[in-house]
C-alpha atoms as a PDB file:
ATOM      1  CA  MET A   1     120.432  85.976  78.563  1.00  0.00           C
ATOM      2  CA  HIS A   2     116.876  86.536  79.634  1.00  0.00           C
ATOM      3  CA  CYS A   3     113.284  86.443  78.438  1.00  0.00           C
ATOM      4  CA  SER A   4     111.010  89.442  78.776  1.00  0.00           C
ATOM      5  CA  SER A   5     107.511  90.417  77.780  1.00  0.00           C
ATOM      6  CA  ASP A   6     108.302  93.851  76.359  1.00  0.00           C
ATOM      7  CA  VAL A   7     109.658  94.683  72.882  1.00  0.00           C
ATOM      8  CA  ARG A   8     112.789  92.585  73.386  1.00  0.00           C
ATOM      9  CA  SER A   9     112.619  88.856  72.824  1.00  0.00           C
ATOM     10  CA  CYS A  10     113.802  85.691  74.523  1.00  0.00           C
ATOM     11  CA  GLY A  11     117.562  85.340  74.270  1.00  0.00           C
ATOM     12  CA  ASP A  12     118.284  89.054  74.050  1.00  0.00           C
ATOM     13  CA  PRO A  13     121.679  89.805  75.622  1.00  0.00           C
ATOM     14  CA  VAL A  14     120.443  93.147  76.972  1.00  0.00           C
ATOM     15  CA  PRO A  15     119.319  93.030  80.617  1.00  0.00           C
ATOM     16  CA  PRO A  16     115.821  94.197  81.630  1.00  0.00           C
ATOM     17  CA  ALA A  17     117.306  97.215  83.454  1.00  0.00           C
ATOM     18  CA  VAL A  18     117.811  98.931  80.094  1.00  0.00           C
ATOM     19  CA  GLY A  19     114.072  99.584  79.819  1.00  0.00           C
ATOM     20  CA  ALA A  20     113.494 100.092  83.551  1.00  0.00           C
ATOM     21  CA  GLY A  21     112.672 103.789  83.175  1.00  0.00           C
ATOM     22  CA  GLY A  22     109.643 103.153  80.978  1.00  0.00           C
ATOM     23  CA  SER A  23     109.339 102.349  77.295  1.00  0.00           C
ATOM     24  CA  GLN A  24     110.475 105.780  76.180  1.00  0.00           C
ATOM     25  CA  ARG A  25     113.453 106.003  78.531  1.00  0.00           C
ATOM     26  CA  GLY A  26     114.623 102.556  77.415  1.00  0.00           C
ATOM     27  CA  GLY A  27     114.406 103.776  73.833  1.00  0.00           C
ATOM     28  CA  ASP A  28     116.422 106.850  74.765  1.00  0.00           C
ATOM     29  CA  GLN A  29     119.149 104.592  76.142  1.00  0.00           C
ATOM     30  CA  PHE A  30     119.246 102.585  72.931  1.00  0.00           C
ATOM     31  CA  GLN A  31     119.323 105.804  70.894  1.00  0.00           C
ATOM     32  CA  ALA A  32     122.281 107.094  72.913  1.00  0.00           C
ATOM     33  CA  SER A  33     124.055 103.752  72.439  1.00  0.00           C
ATOM     34  CA  ALA A  34     123.363 103.832  68.692  1.00  0.00           C
ATOM     35  CA  LEU A  35     124.750 107.364  68.560  1.00  0.00           C
ATOM     36  CA  ALA A  36     127.921 106.245  70.355  1.00  0.00           C
ATOM     37  CA  THR A  37     128.460 103.226  68.107  1.00  0.00           C
ATOM     38  CA  ALA A  38     127.763 105.292  64.984  1.00  0.00           C
ATOM     39  CA  PHE A  39     130.403 107.763  66.144  1.00  0.00           C
ATOM     40  CA  ILE A  40     132.983 105.021  66.779  1.00  0.00           C
ATOM     41  CA  TYR A  41     132.255 102.813  63.748  1.00  0.00           C
ATOM     42  CA  PRO A  42     133.578 105.151  60.993  1.00  0.00           C
ATOM     43  CA  GLN A  43     136.868 105.586  62.863  1.00  0.00           C
ATOM     44  CA  VAL A  44     137.690 101.866  63.058  1.00  0.00           C
ATOM     45  CA  THR A  45     140.352 100.601  60.645  1.00  0.00           C
ATOM     46  CA  ASP A  46     141.140  97.089  61.944  1.00  0.00           C
ATOM     47  CA  PRO A  47     138.896  94.443  60.288  1.00  0.00           C
ATOM     48  CA  THR A  48     138.423  92.415  63.491  1.00  0.00           C
ATOM     49  CA  VAL A  49     137.479  95.480  65.518  1.00  0.00           C
ATOM     50  CA  LEU A  50     135.204  96.545  62.652  1.00  0.00           C
ATOM     51  CA  LEU A  51     133.376  93.202  62.929  1.00  0.00           C
ATOM     52  CA  PHE A  52     132.689  93.705  66.635  1.00  0.00           C
ATOM     53  CA  ALA A  53     131.850  97.396  66.195  1.00  0.00           C
ATOM     54  CA  GLY A  54     129.340  96.431  63.494  1.00  0.00           C
ATOM     55  CA  PHE A  55     127.798  93.878  65.841  1.00  0.00           C
ATOM     56  CA  ALA A  56     127.444  96.510  68.602  1.00  0.00           C
ATOM     57  CA  SER A  57     125.982  98.985  66.129  1.00  0.00           C
ATOM     58  CA  GLY A  58     123.448  96.403  64.931  1.00  0.00           C
ATOM     59  CA  ILE A  59     122.365  95.530  68.482  1.00  0.00           C
ATOM     60  CA  THR A  60     121.822  99.166  69.443  1.00  0.00           C
ATOM     61  CA  LEU A  61     120.036 100.001  66.197  1.00  0.00           C
ATOM     62  CA  SER A  62     117.735  96.988  66.550  1.00  0.00           C
ATOM     63  CA  GLY A  63     116.967  97.938  70.150  1.00  0.00           C
ATOM     64  CA  MET A  64     116.267 101.508  69.157  1.00  0.00           C
ATOM     65  CA  ILE A  65     113.857 100.523  66.393  1.00  0.00           C
ATOM     66  CA  GLY A  66     112.158  97.933  68.597  1.00  0.00           C
ATOM     67  CA  GLY A  67     110.990 100.623  70.997  1.00  0.00           C
ATOM     68  CA  TYR A  68     109.173 102.557  68.299  1.00  0.00           C
ATOM     69  CA  GLY A  69     106.347  99.998  68.192  1.00  0.00           C
ATOM     70  CA  ALA A  70     105.622 100.496  71.887  1.00  0.00           C
ATOM     71  CA  LEU A  71     105.956 104.254  71.545  1.00  0.00           C
ATOM     72  CA  ILE A  72     103.477 104.353  68.649  1.00  0.00           C
ATOM     73  CA  SER A  73     101.089 102.077  70.554  1.00  0.00           C
ATOM     74  CA  GLU A  74     101.091 104.495  73.469  1.00  0.00           C
ATOM     75  CA  SER A  75     100.677 107.564  71.259  1.00  0.00           C
ATOM     76  CA  TYR A  76      97.714 106.590  69.064  1.00  0.00           C
ATOM     77  CA  PRO A  77      94.201 105.389  69.955  1.00  0.00           C
ATOM     78  CA  THR A  78      93.355 101.742  69.327  1.00  0.00           C
ATOM     79  CA  GLN A  79      91.281 102.505  66.214  1.00  0.00           C
ATOM     80  CA  ALA A  80      94.230 104.234  64.494  1.00  0.00           C
ATOM     81  CA  ARG A  81      97.130 102.237  65.948  1.00  0.00           C
ATOM     82  CA  ALA A  82      97.670  99.716  63.136  1.00  0.00           C
ATOM     83  CA  THR A  83      97.322 102.390  60.460  1.00  0.00           C
ATOM     84  CA  ALA A  84      99.764 104.666  62.297  1.00  0.00           C
ATOM     85  CA  GLN A  85     102.327 101.897  62.659  1.00  0.00           C
ATOM     86  CA  ASN A  86     102.038 100.854  59.018  1.00  0.00           C
ATOM     87  CA  ILE A  87     102.325 104.396  57.694  1.00  0.00           C
ATOM     88  CA  LEU A  88     105.188 105.425  59.983  1.00  0.00           C
ATOM     89  CA  PHE A  89     107.256 102.241  59.607  1.00  0.00           C
ATOM     90  CA  ASN A  90     106.753 102.002  55.838  1.00  0.00           C
ATOM     91  CA  PHE A  91     107.462 105.707  55.301  1.00  0.00           C
ATOM     92  CA  GLY A  92     110.695 105.219  57.238  1.00  0.00           C
ATOM     93  CA  ARG A  93     111.496 102.119  55.214  1.00  0.00           C
ATOM     94  CA  GLY A  94     110.895 104.023  51.973  1.00  0.00           C
ATOM     95  CA  VAL A  95     113.149 106.908  52.974  1.00  0.00           C
ATOM     96  CA  GLY A  96     115.745 104.530  54.465  1.00  0.00           C
ATOM     97  CA  GLY A  97     115.886 102.641  51.183  1.00  0.00           C
ATOM     98  CA  PHE A  98     117.842 105.544  49.739  1.00  0.00           C
ATOM     99  CA  GLY A  99     120.469 105.216  52.508  1.00  0.00           C
ATOM    100  CA  PRO A 100     122.872 102.938  50.597  1.00  0.00           C
ATOM    101  CA  LEU A 101     122.650 105.192  47.535  1.00  0.00           C
ATOM    102  CA  VAL A 102     123.338 108.352  49.563  1.00  0.00           C
ATOM    103  CA  VAL A 103     126.135 106.758  51.615  1.00  0.00           C
ATOM    104  CA  GLY A 104     127.739 105.337  48.447  1.00  0.00           C
ATOM    105  CA  TRP A 105     127.564 108.687  46.682  1.00  0.00           C
ATOM    106  CA  LEU A 106     128.986 110.567  49.681  1.00  0.00           C
ATOM    107  CA  ALA A 107     131.717 107.937  50.172  1.00  0.00           C
ATOM    108  CA  SER A 108     132.818 108.295  46.550  1.00  0.00           C
ATOM    109  CA  LYS A 109     132.731 112.093  46.745  1.00  0.00           C
ATOM    110  CA  TYR A 110     134.327 112.491  50.208  1.00  0.00           C
ATOM    111  CA  SER A 111     135.216 109.375  52.227  1.00  0.00           C
ATOM    112  CA  LEU A 112     133.480 106.433  53.887  1.00  0.00           C
ATOM    113  CA  PRO A 113     133.993 107.805  57.431  1.00  0.00           C
ATOM    114  CA  ALA A 114     132.499 111.133  56.347  1.00  0.00           C
ATOM    115  CA  ALA A 115     129.520 109.368  54.768  1.00  0.00           C
ATOM    116  CA  LEU A 116     128.943 107.178  57.816  1.00  0.00           C
ATOM    117  CA  SER A 117     129.106 110.257  60.024  1.00  0.00           C
ATOM    118  CA  LEU A 118     125.645 111.069  58.689  1.00  0.00           C
ATOM    119  CA  LEU A 119     124.386 108.353  61.046  1.00  0.00           C
ATOM    120  CA  VAL A 120     125.771 110.296  63.980  1.00  0.00           C
ATOM    121  CA  ILE A 121     123.917 113.408  62.854  1.00  0.00           C
ATOM    122  CA  ALA A 122     120.677 111.484  62.179  1.00  0.00           C
ATOM    123  CA  TRP A 123     120.705 109.754  65.571  1.00  0.00           C
ATOM    124  CA  ALA A 124     121.599 112.971  67.386  1.00  0.00           C
ATOM    125  CA  ILE A 125     118.551 114.635  65.798  1.00  0.00           C
ATOM    126  CA  ASP A 126     116.465 111.562  66.655  1.00  0.00           C
ATOM    127  CA  ILE A 127     117.457 111.747  70.323  1.00  0.00           C
ATOM    128  CA  VAL A 128     116.723 115.464  70.569  1.00  0.00           C
ATOM    129  CA  VAL A 129     113.309 115.081  68.918  1.00  0.00           C
ATOM    130  CA  THR A 130     112.363 112.056  71.032  1.00  0.00           C
ATOM    131  CA  VAL A 131     113.420 113.588  74.339  1.00  0.00           C
ATOM    132  CA  THR A 132     111.976 117.042  73.728  1.00  0.00           C
ATOM    133  CA  MET A 133     108.839 116.400  71.690  1.00  0.00           C
ATOM    134  CA  ILE A 134     107.425 113.038  72.806  1.00  0.00           C
ATOM    135  CA  LYS A 135     105.996 112.936  76.290  1.00  0.00           C
ATOM    136  CA  GLU A 136     106.321 109.894  78.540  1.00  0.00           C
ATOM    137  CA  ARG A 137     102.948 108.164  78.886  1.00  0.00           C
ATOM    138  CA  ARG A 138     103.868 105.644  81.571  1.00  0.00           C
ATOM    139  CA  GLY A 139     100.917 105.000  83.866  1.00  0.00           C
ATOM    140  CA  GLU A 140      98.359 106.583  81.515  1.00  0.00           C
ATOM    141  CA  PRO A 141      95.598 104.329  80.184  1.00  0.00           C
ATOM    142  CA  LEU A 142      95.788 103.319  76.535  1.00  0.00           C
ATOM    143  CA  THR A 143      92.851 104.631  74.535  1.00  0.00           C
END
């Protein structure tokens, strides 16, 4: 375990090399890991393996979300930064609040693996949007 001064905290099991390519590239790595765990998780049937797969999914999801704060800080000027973070995070929280309802409805209509496969689609879209539409600002001064 290590301590770092970026978005990860002391005791994080993820080594500093994960974010070595800049804040955005580290986020891309977490997004790809979240995509992989979301693809594997619905296919697991053994309860013990499901426990560990859920742990891996939680780590990658937490790492992915943690990078958004740094990304927003780099993308907005100081005067608008707090407002941007509050609006974007709380909008996401509001939309995400419907997740259990949607997954439950889809699981009852189709199956749980089919419902959880929505995570794979959501994270795949997230990766494409992040990589193609958000430019890396490493080395640029914050405004």
